Amino acid sequence: MQSWKGKSNEEGAKVSRQRDGRGYGPKEKPRHLYLVLDDWSWGYSIRKIDLSFSDSIRKIYLSLCDDDDDSDPKLIPIDDGQTGAIYNGLPSALIRFPGRRGEPKSILGAFDNMILAMQPLDYQVNNLVQHYSTAIDIRMRTYIDGPWQDTWQDVRNPICIPVGGKLFFLGDDSFRMLCQSYDDTCICNTAWVWSELPKPIFQYELVTSYAVHPDERTIFVSGSFGVPTTFSIDTADPATFSSEEPIIREWKQHGLWQLPFTGRGYFDPELDAWIGLSTELDTIGHIVSCDVASPDSDRNQQQCSSLKFSKERLFSEVPTQRHIGATLVYMGGESKFCLLEGIYIQAGIADQPTGCGEMKFVDELNETEADKYSACELDDERNEFSDSEVNEEQDQKRFLRLTTFSLKYDMNGDLTTGNSRRVCYYSLPQEVTDPMLKYPVAFWI
């Protein structure tokens, strides 16, 4: 496969200059992790999760350590028995929006700063089918009229793939693109445009993984279509994209192999590889990297090259914790990621010490900190939905386990998280449905 390391252009140079502080013009706005839960009786809430290690928690941590140990705490997974994890209460909701609960695949992140809620077409309010969708500008904390849905949703759960400033929807007999365009006749100056693309030449239900090429126009999908197979399509518009070679928008088969991760894979320029959660049974819970496939590769290729599995298993290995599901979120520079894992714990375990050397902090520890970092810019008068219908009682059995880490290759060329892992547990409202823990929804915006 072709390596893309070092193929810098002027755009790449701009990114490098911004990263090391030599950029010209405004700096990129800081990003945050936004968690979506269906804990509201009418739908969903969005919370901003602070991934930094707050000073107040650090003081409490140090008070429990040896007096001679004044170093910064390293929140390495308790599974390794090196130190402790922290149990937190969730921060307050920033904003809420209506929708049928238990539909994690209908909540999408796109267009750099938006969260879209595109409910199934059989979703009803007051016995009326709702064809509209909800769009939330998370930075402005505002609602925007979302795209009309009956022009695209021919399946219950299409595969949604964000590529640059576009969002692609892959269904059984359709492949469509959603874009934004400027329209001064609209209140929000935004119009939604749907475009038809070539239909897939495979069953979309059998797709197991997908990734976007670093050219930000070619989409790769893999699945077990009788035999493991990978396809790709160039999504560039021939009418607007200048190229010496003609652009052909059609699905292309690349060979009898498939991408080694489950669900979405991310291209990381630091590692020059696609990164995802391993799909192999003997490496479940590990991160896997592989070379980026060339859009020009043909059917003769028989395998995905340069597979590397992380030395560390990132899923919880605490005996009292049962895995429900997980989602990997890419956080950009320095190969940073966040793994969200839904887990089930026996009642009362979170309040008791375990044999793993794990320290437990009660939820009240972070109530003040949570409110501090999640203060909503929208007050009750601006948020059209009332907090009075929210059940804040915490579930003592189900938790969300967040692990942040950075990836690198060690001196032997092995993929590792090194000493970068940080683990935090969040207790969840009882109203959160199981599908939202099987497929946790979060966006780095």
Protein backbone atom coordinates (compact mmCIF):
# COMPACT_ATOMS: atom_id res chain seq x y z
CA MET A 1 0.00 0.00 0.00
CA GLN A 2 1.06 3.52 -0.62
CA SER A 3 2.43 5.64 2.21
CA TRP A 4 1.15 9.18 2.58
CA LYS A 5 3.73 10.37 5.10
CA GLY A 6 5.60 13.44 4.02
CA LYS A 7 3.34 14.28 1.10
CA SER A 8 2.92 17.84 2.34
CA ASN A 9 1.39 20.66 0.38
CA GLU A 10 0.66 24.26 1.22
CA GLU A 11 -2.42 23.23 3.21
CA GLY A 12 -0.34 20.76 5.18
CA ALA A 13 2.24 23.45 5.83
CA LYS A 14 -0.47 25.71 7.23
CA VAL A 15 -1.58 22.98 9.62
CA SER A 16 2.02 22.48 10.75
CA ARG A 17 2.53 26.19 11.33
CA GLN A 18 -0.67 26.43 13.35
CA ARG A 19 0.36 23.42 15.42
CA ASP A 20 3.73 24.89 16.42
CA GLY A 21 2.41 28.41 16.94
CA ARG A 22 3.74 29.98 13.76
CA GLY A 23 0.36 30.13 12.04
CA TYR A 24 -0.91 33.18 10.26
CA GLY A 25 -4.37 34.48 11.02
CA PRO A 26 -6.75 33.31 13.73
CA LYS A 27 -5.91 30.16 15.65
CA GLU A 28 -8.18 27.15 15.54
CA LYS A 29 -10.88 27.23 18.21
CA PRO A 30 -10.39 24.78 21.08
CA ARG A 31 -12.41 21.60 20.78
CA HIS A 32 -14.27 19.67 23.45
CA LEU A 33 -15.90 16.29 23.90
CA TYR A 34 -19.70 16.45 23.72
CA LEU A 35 -21.64 13.48 25.05
CA VAL A 36 -25.19 12.72 23.90
CA LEU A 37 -27.56 10.73 26.15
CA ASP A 38 -31.27 9.92 25.90
CA ASP A 39 -31.98 10.66 29.56
CA TRP A 40 -34.80 13.13 28.89
CA SER A 41 -38.41 11.95 28.67
CA TRP A 42 -38.82 13.81 25.36
CA GLY A 43 -35.48 12.88 23.83
CA TYR A 44 -31.81 13.71 24.27
CA SER A 45 -29.37 15.90 26.17
CA ILE A 46 -25.90 17.12 25.24
CA ARG A 47 -23.17 17.52 27.84
CA LYS A 48 -19.67 18.94 27.57
CA ILE A 49 -17.17 16.60 29.20
CA ASP A 50 -14.08 18.20 30.72
CA LEU A 51 -11.18 15.86 29.94
CA SER A 52 -8.62 17.79 31.96
CA PHE A 53 -7.59 16.71 35.44
CA SER A 54 -9.05 19.44 37.65
CA ASP A 55 -7.10 21.01 40.53
CA SER A 56 -9.69 20.04 43.14
CA ILE A 57 -9.60 16.38 42.15
CA ARG A 58 -5.79 16.50 42.09
CA LYS A 59 -5.71 17.79 45.70
CA ILE A 60 -8.00 15.01 46.86
CA TYR A 61 -5.94 12.47 44.95
CA LEU A 62 -2.71 13.71 46.52
CA SER A 63 -4.25 13.65 49.98
CA LEU A 64 -4.70 9.92 49.55
CA CYS A 65 -1.16 9.37 48.31
CA ASP A 66 2.04 9.09 50.32
CA ASP A 67 3.16 12.37 51.87
CA ASP A 68 6.46 12.18 50.01
CA ASP A 69 4.76 11.71 46.65
CA ASP A 70 3.93 15.15 45.24
CA SER A 71 4.08 14.19 41.57
CA ASP A 72 1.16 14.67 39.22
CA PRO A 73 -1.20 11.70 39.43
CA LYS A 74 -1.18 9.38 36.42
CA LEU A 75 -4.67 8.03 35.93
CA ILE A 76 -3.57 4.83 34.27
CA PRO A 77 -6.25 2.12 34.01
CA ILE A 78 -6.93 0.30 37.23
CA ASP A 79 -6.77 -2.93 35.26
CA ASP A 80 -2.98 -2.64 35.39
CA GLY A 81 -3.08 -2.08 39.16
CA GLN A 82 -0.79 0.93 38.86
CA THR A 83 -3.10 3.50 40.45
CA GLY A 84 -6.76 4.52 40.62
CA ALA A 85 -9.63 5.66 38.49
CA ILE A 86 -12.11 8.39 39.33
CA TYR A 87 -15.89 8.09 39.60
CA ASN A 88 -17.74 11.27 38.63
CA GLY A 89 -21.25 12.57 38.36
CA LEU A 90 -22.16 13.83 34.92
CA PRO A 91 -22.03 17.57 34.27
CA SER A 92 -25.30 19.39 33.71
CA ALA A 93 -26.86 19.31 30.25
CA LEU A 94 -25.96 22.16 27.93
CA ILE A 95 -28.98 21.73 25.70
CA ARG A 96 -31.76 19.24 24.99
CA PHE A 97 -33.61 18.29 21.83
CA PRO A 98 -36.62 16.07 21.11
CA GLY A 99 -36.48 12.69 19.44
CA ARG A 100 -37.31 9.04 19.87
CA ARG A 101 -35.02 7.66 22.53
CA GLY A 102 -32.83 4.62 22.01
CA GLU A 103 -31.72 5.62 18.50
CA PRO A 104 -27.95 6.29 18.82
CA LYS A 105 -27.30 5.87 15.10
CA SER A 106 -29.66 8.74 14.32
CA ILE A 107 -27.41 11.27 16.13
CA LEU A 108 -24.69 12.52 13.80
CA GLY A 109 -21.76 14.91 13.98
CA ALA A 110 -21.01 16.91 10.85
CA PHE A 111 -20.01 20.23 9.31
CA ASP A 112 -17.32 20.85 11.92
CA ASN A 113 -19.56 22.26 14.64
CA MET A 114 -22.99 20.66 14.25
CA ILE A 115 -24.86 17.77 15.76
CA LEU A 116 -27.73 16.46 13.64
CA ALA A 117 -30.64 14.42 14.95
CA MET A 118 -32.17 12.63 11.99
CA GLN A 119 -34.95 10.46 13.35
CA PRO A 120 -36.40 7.42 11.54
CA LEU A 121 -39.30 8.27 9.27
CA ASP A 122 -41.78 6.42 11.47
CA TYR A 123 -41.00 8.79 14.38
CA GLN A 124 -44.24 10.52 15.39
CA VAL A 125 -45.19 13.46 17.58
CA ASN A 126 -48.88 13.85 18.45
CA ASN A 127 -49.66 11.07 15.92
CA LEU A 128 -47.99 13.05 13.13
CA VAL A 129 -45.02 11.65 11.24
CA GLN A 130 -42.04 13.99 11.56
CA HIS A 131 -40.03 14.49 8.37
CA TYR A 132 -37.84 17.26 9.75
CA SER A 133 -34.56 16.84 11.54
CA THR A 134 -32.91 18.87 14.27
CA ALA A 135 -29.59 20.63 13.74
CA ILE A 136 -27.68 22.11 16.66
CA ASP A 137 -24.77 24.50 16.30
CA ILE A 138 -22.96 23.32 19.40
CA ARG A 139 -20.59 26.29 19.62
CA MET A 140 -23.34 28.89 19.27
CA ARG A 141 -25.76 26.80 21.39
CA THR A 142 -28.52 27.41 18.87
CA TYR A 143 -31.09 25.31 17.02
CA ILE A 144 -31.17 25.35 13.23
CA ASP A 145 -33.79 23.87 10.94
CA GLY A 146 -32.33 20.59 9.79
CA PRO A 147 -32.67 18.96 6.37
CA TRP A 148 -35.97 17.46 5.22
CA GLN A 149 -35.64 13.72 5.54
CA ASP A 150 -38.03 11.87 3.26
CA THR A 151 -35.79 12.60 0.27
CA TRP A 152 -33.10 10.25 1.50
CA GLN A 153 -34.02 7.86 4.28
CA ASP A 154 -34.96 4.63 2.54
CA VAL A 155 -33.55 2.53 5.37
CA ARG A 156 -33.85 2.62 9.14
CA ASN A 157 -30.18 3.02 9.97
CA PRO A 158 -28.05 4.20 7.06
CA ILE A 159 -24.29 4.33 7.50
CA CYS A 160 -23.35 7.99 7.88
CA ILE A 161 -19.85 9.06 6.88
CA PRO A 162 -18.61 12.64 7.40
CA VAL A 163 -16.06 13.79 4.84
CA GLY A 164 -14.81 17.35 5.15
CA GLY A 165 -17.81 19.67 4.85
CA LYS A 166 -20.12 16.93 3.57
CA LEU A 167 -22.11 14.08 5.07
CA PHE A 168 -22.66 10.85 3.12
CA PHE A 169 -25.49 8.37 3.71
CA LEU A 170 -25.04 4.79 2.56
CA GLY A 171 -28.19 2.69 2.27
CA ASP A 172 -29.09 -0.63 0.70
CA ASP A 173 -30.03 0.83 -2.64
CA SER A 174 -28.81 4.40 -2.32
CA PHE A 175 -25.80 6.60 -1.67
CA ARG A 176 -26.51 10.26 -1.02
CA MET A 177 -24.59 13.36 -0.05
CA LEU A 178 -25.77 16.18 2.19
CA CYS A 179 -24.17 19.62 1.93
CA GLN A 180 -24.75 23.06 3.31
CA SER A 181 -25.01 26.12 1.10
CA TYR A 182 -25.44 29.81 1.85
CA ASP A 183 -28.95 31.13 1.38
CA ASP A 184 -29.74 34.69 2.45
CA THR A 185 -33.46 33.96 2.19
CA CYS A 186 -33.25 31.62 5.18
CA ILE A 187 -33.25 32.92 8.73
CA CYS A 188 -30.05 31.03 9.53
CA ASN A 189 -28.53 31.74 6.09
CA THR A 190 -28.18 27.98 5.60
CA ALA A 191 -29.79 25.76 2.99
CA TRP A 192 -29.50 21.98 2.82
CA VAL A 193 -28.73 20.29 -0.48
CA TRP A 194 -29.14 16.55 -1.20
CA SER A 195 -27.31 14.89 -4.09
CA GLU A 196 -27.66 11.40 -5.53
CA LEU A 197 -24.48 9.38 -6.02
CA PRO A 198 -23.90 5.93 -7.59
CA LYS A 199 -25.73 3.16 -5.78
CA PRO A 200 -23.60 0.64 -3.87
CA ILE A 201 -22.78 -2.63 -5.60
CA PHE A 202 -22.96 -4.53 -2.31
CA GLN A 203 -25.37 -5.04 0.60
CA TYR A 204 -24.90 -2.17 3.00
CA GLU A 205 -26.14 -4.28 5.94
CA LEU A 206 -22.97 -6.39 5.60
CA VAL A 207 -20.60 -3.43 5.92
CA THR A 208 -18.45 -3.84 9.05
CA SER A 209 -16.01 -0.93 8.75
CA TYR A 210 -15.26 2.23 6.83
CA ALA A 211 -12.59 4.93 6.60
CA VAL A 212 -11.88 8.10 4.66
CA HIS A 213 -8.69 8.42 2.64
CA PRO A 214 -6.42 11.36 3.60
CA ASP A 215 -7.26 12.92 0.22
CA GLU A 216 -10.61 13.70 1.95
CA ARG A 217 -12.62 12.55 -1.03
CA THR A 218 -12.27 8.76 -1.27
CA ILE A 219 -14.36 6.54 1.01
CA PHE A 220 -13.41 2.92 1.72
CA VAL A 221 -15.90 0.37 3.07
CA SER A 222 -15.33 -3.27 4.01
CA GLY A 223 -17.54 -6.20 4.88
CA SER A 224 -18.08 -9.92 4.66
CA PHE A 225 -19.97 -10.01 1.38
CA GLY A 226 -19.73 -13.78 1.11
CA VAL A 227 -15.97 -13.29 1.36
CA PRO A 228 -14.12 -10.35 2.97
CA THR A 229 -14.09 -7.54 0.41
CA THR A 230 -13.24 -3.83 0.30
CA PHE A 231 -14.76 -1.21 -1.99
CA SER A 232 -14.12 2.49 -2.49
CA ILE A 233 -15.63 5.47 -4.26
CA ASP A 234 -14.20 8.87 -5.21
CA THR A 235 -16.77 11.44 -4.03
CA ALA A 236 -15.14 14.47 -5.72
CA ASP A 237 -17.40 16.44 -8.01
CA PRO A 238 -15.93 16.28 -11.55
CA ALA A 239 -17.54 19.62 -12.37
CA THR A 240 -15.83 21.54 -9.59
CA PHE A 241 -12.63 19.60 -8.93
CA SER A 242 -9.66 20.35 -11.17
CA SER A 243 -7.55 17.30 -11.93
CA GLU A 244 -5.26 16.14 -14.69
CA GLU A 245 -6.95 12.76 -14.64
CA PRO A 246 -10.72 12.39 -15.13
CA ILE A 247 -12.74 11.74 -11.97
CA ILE A 248 -15.04 8.75 -12.22
CA ARG A 249 -17.69 8.51 -9.54
CA GLU A 250 -18.22 4.77 -9.28
CA TRP A 251 -17.71 2.01 -6.76
CA LYS A 252 -14.48 0.08 -7.17
CA GLN A 253 -13.49 -3.29 -5.70
CA HIS A 254 -10.00 -3.51 -4.19
CA GLY A 255 -9.59 -7.18 -3.42
CA LEU A 256 -10.52 -9.99 -1.05
CA TRP A 257 -9.51 -8.27 2.18
CA GLN A 258 -11.18 -5.98 4.67
CA LEU A 259 -10.29 -3.18 7.03
CA PRO A 260 -9.20 -4.63 10.40
CA PHE A 261 -11.35 -2.46 12.66
CA THR A 262 -15.00 -2.37 13.58
CA GLY A 263 -17.07 0.64 12.55
CA ARG A 264 -15.27 3.86 11.78
CA GLY A 265 -11.53 4.12 11.29
CA TYR A 266 -9.62 7.41 11.48
CA PHE A 267 -6.60 8.56 9.53
CA ASP A 268 -3.88 9.83 11.86
CA PRO A 269 -1.14 11.82 10.07
CA GLU A 270 1.35 11.40 12.92
CA LEU A 271 1.24 7.61 12.58
CA ASP A 272 0.51 7.72 8.83
CA ALA A 273 -2.11 5.02 9.31
CA TRP A 274 -5.79 4.26 9.75
CA ILE A 275 -6.70 3.68 13.41
CA GLY A 276 -9.68 1.85 14.87
CA LEU A 277 -10.98 -0.70 17.37
CA SER A 278 -9.84 -4.21 16.52
CA THR A 279 -12.46 -6.59 15.20
CA GLU A 280 -10.40 -9.75 15.80
CA LEU A 281 -11.76 -11.95 18.59
CA ASP A 282 -8.34 -12.45 20.20
CA THR A 283 -7.60 -8.71 20.19
CA ILE A 284 -10.99 -7.30 21.23
CA GLY A 285 -10.44 -4.11 23.21
CA HIS A 286 -7.13 -3.35 21.50
CA ILE A 287 -6.43 -0.56 19.02
CA VAL A 288 -5.36 -1.61 15.53
CA SER A 289 -3.51 0.39 12.87
CA CYS A 290 -2.98 -0.39 9.21
CA ASP A 291 -1.49 1.24 6.14
CA VAL A 292 -3.72 3.54 4.14
CA ALA A 293 -4.94 1.81 1.00
CA SER A 294 -4.27 3.53 -2.29
CA PRO A 295 -7.37 4.47 -4.30
CA ASP A 296 -5.50 3.02 -7.30
CA SER A 297 -5.03 -0.47 -5.82
CA ASP A 298 -6.80 -3.24 -7.72
CA ARG A 299 -8.59 -6.54 -7.19
CA ASN A 300 -5.31 -8.46 -6.97
CA GLN A 301 -4.56 -7.22 -3.47
CA GLN A 302 -5.32 -10.00 -0.99
CA GLN A 303 -4.71 -8.45 2.42
CA CYS A 304 -4.57 -5.26 4.45
CA SER A 305 -0.90 -4.52 5.01
CA SER A 306 1.16 -3.54 8.07
CA LEU A 307 -1.33 -4.47 10.77
CA LYS A 308 -0.24 -3.43 14.26
CA PHE A 309 -2.23 -4.08 17.43
CA SER A 310 -1.74 -2.02 20.56
CA LYS A 311 0.23 -3.69 23.32
CA GLU A 312 -2.42 -2.61 25.80
CA ARG A 313 -6.03 -3.76 26.03
CA LEU A 314 -8.14 -0.67 26.61
CA PHE A 315 -11.44 -2.27 27.61
CA SER A 316 -12.01 -2.71 31.32
CA GLU A 317 -10.63 -5.92 32.75
CA VAL A 318 -12.09 -5.52 36.23
CA PRO A 319 -13.88 -8.82 37.03
CA THR A 320 -17.00 -7.07 38.37
CA GLN A 321 -17.46 -5.01 35.19
CA ARG A 322 -19.29 -6.32 32.13
CA HIS A 323 -18.71 -4.73 28.73
CA ILE A 324 -21.82 -3.41 26.95
CA GLY A 325 -20.38 -1.51 23.98
CA ALA A 326 -17.79 1.07 22.96
CA THR A 327 -17.08 3.98 20.63
CA LEU A 328 -13.70 5.40 19.64
CA VAL A 329 -13.42 9.18 19.09
CA TYR A 330 -10.44 10.81 17.40
CA MET A 331 -9.22 14.02 19.02
CA GLY A 332 -6.65 15.11 16.47
CA GLY A 333 -3.07 16.27 17.03
CA GLU A 334 -0.49 14.10 18.80
CA SER A 335 -2.56 10.98 17.97
CA LYS A 336 -5.06 11.61 20.77
CA PHE A 337 -8.15 9.46 21.20
CA CYS A 338 -11.00 8.94 23.62
CA LEU A 339 -12.60 5.54 24.15
CA LEU A 340 -16.13 5.53 25.56
CA GLU A 341 -17.13 2.18 27.01
CA GLY A 342 -20.53 1.32 28.43
CA ILE A 343 -20.18 -1.04 31.38
CA TYR A 344 -22.42 -2.80 33.87
CA ILE A 345 -21.29 -2.99 37.51
CA GLN A 346 -22.88 -4.90 40.37
CA ALA A 347 -24.89 -2.61 42.60
CA GLY A 348 -22.80 -1.16 45.43
CA ILE A 349 -19.46 -1.91 43.79
CA ALA A 350 -18.84 1.76 43.00
CA ASP A 351 -19.01 2.60 46.69
CA GLN A 352 -16.62 -0.10 47.85
CA PRO A 353 -12.88 -0.70 47.49
CA THR A 354 -11.84 -3.55 45.22
CA GLY A 355 -8.84 -5.83 45.07
CA CYS A 356 -7.52 -3.95 42.06
CA GLY A 357 -6.12 -1.03 44.05
CA GLU A 358 -8.88 1.14 42.61
CA MET A 359 -9.94 4.25 44.50
CA LYS A 360 -13.59 5.17 44.53
CA PHE A 361 -14.78 8.75 44.78
CA VAL A 362 -18.44 9.42 45.53
CA ASP A 363 -20.47 11.38 43.01
CA GLU A 364 -20.70 14.39 45.34
CA LEU A 365 -16.96 14.95 44.92
CA ASN A 366 -17.41 16.56 41.54
CA GLU A 367 -20.81 18.18 41.74
CA THR A 368 -19.31 21.65 42.09
CA GLU A 369 -16.65 21.02 39.48
CA ALA A 370 -19.16 19.54 37.06
CA ASP A 371 -21.41 22.56 37.35
CA LYS A 372 -18.44 24.87 36.94
CA TYR A 373 -17.32 23.30 33.68
CA SER A 374 -20.77 22.68 32.25
CA ALA A 375 -22.46 26.01 32.94
CA CYS A 376 -24.90 26.36 30.09
CA GLU A 377 -24.84 29.54 28.10
CA LEU A 378 -28.53 28.94 27.46
CA ASP A 379 -30.58 29.80 30.54
CA ASP A 380 -33.99 28.29 31.21
CA GLU A 381 -35.74 31.04 29.28
CA ARG A 382 -33.71 30.42 26.13
CA ASN A 383 -33.97 26.64 26.34
CA GLU A 384 -37.47 25.77 25.18
CA PHE A 385 -37.51 22.51 27.11
CA SER A 386 -37.94 22.40 30.88
CA ASP A 387 -35.58 20.64 33.27
CA SER A 388 -38.59 19.62 35.35
CA GLU A 389 -39.11 16.56 33.14
CA VAL A 390 -35.61 15.20 33.66
CA ASN A 391 -34.96 12.32 36.04
CA GLU A 392 -31.60 13.01 37.68
CA GLU A 393 -31.58 9.83 39.80
CA GLN A 394 -28.36 7.95 39.13
CA ASP A 395 -28.12 4.35 38.00
CA GLN A 396 -25.93 2.37 40.38
CA LYS A 397 -25.26 -0.42 37.91
CA ARG A 398 -24.45 1.17 34.56
CA PHE A 399 -21.50 3.49 34.01
CA LEU A 400 -19.69 5.16 31.16
CA ARG A 401 -15.95 4.52 31.25
CA LEU A 402 -13.87 7.16 29.45
CA THR A 403 -10.26 6.42 28.55
CA THR A 404 -8.14 9.11 26.92
CA PHE A 405 -4.79 8.17 25.43
CA SER A 406 -2.21 8.96 22.78
CA LEU A 407 -0.74 6.41 20.39
CA LYS A 408 2.84 6.02 19.26
CA TYR A 409 5.27 3.41 17.97
CA ASP A 410 7.86 2.29 20.49
CA MET A 411 11.53 1.59 19.74
CA ASN A 412 10.55 -1.87 18.48
CA GLY A 413 7.93 -0.46 16.15
CA ASP A 414 5.04 -1.74 18.28
CA LEU A 415 1.88 0.31 18.70
CA THR A 416 1.47 1.50 22.29
CA THR A 417 -0.30 4.04 24.48
CA GLY A 418 2.80 4.37 26.64
CA ASN A 419 2.05 6.17 29.87
CA SER A 420 -0.67 8.35 28.38
CA ARG A 421 -3.86 6.62 29.48
CA ARG A 422 -6.30 8.39 31.78
CA VAL A 423 -9.50 6.73 33.01
CA CYS A 424 -12.66 8.26 34.43
CA TYR A 425 -16.04 6.70 35.22
CA TYR A 426 -19.34 8.56 34.94
CA SER A 427 -22.49 7.40 36.67
CA LEU A 428 -25.52 7.70 34.42
CA PRO A 429 -29.14 8.73 34.88
CA GLN A 430 -31.49 5.76 35.12
CA GLU A 431 -33.38 6.95 32.04
CA VAL A 432 -30.47 6.23 29.66
CA THR A 433 -31.40 3.32 27.39
CA ASP A 434 -29.18 0.31 26.72
CA PRO A 435 -28.66 1.16 23.01
CA MET A 436 -26.94 4.40 24.06
CA LEU A 437 -24.46 2.34 26.09
CA LYS A 438 -23.99 -0.25 23.38
CA TYR A 439 -23.22 2.53 20.89
CA PRO A 440 -22.07 5.55 22.96
CA VAL A 441 -22.49 8.83 21.12
CA ALA A 442 -19.89 11.58 21.51
CA PHE A 443 -18.26 14.13 19.24
CA TRP A 444 -15.00 16.07 19.36
CA ILE A 445 -16.13 19.56 18.33
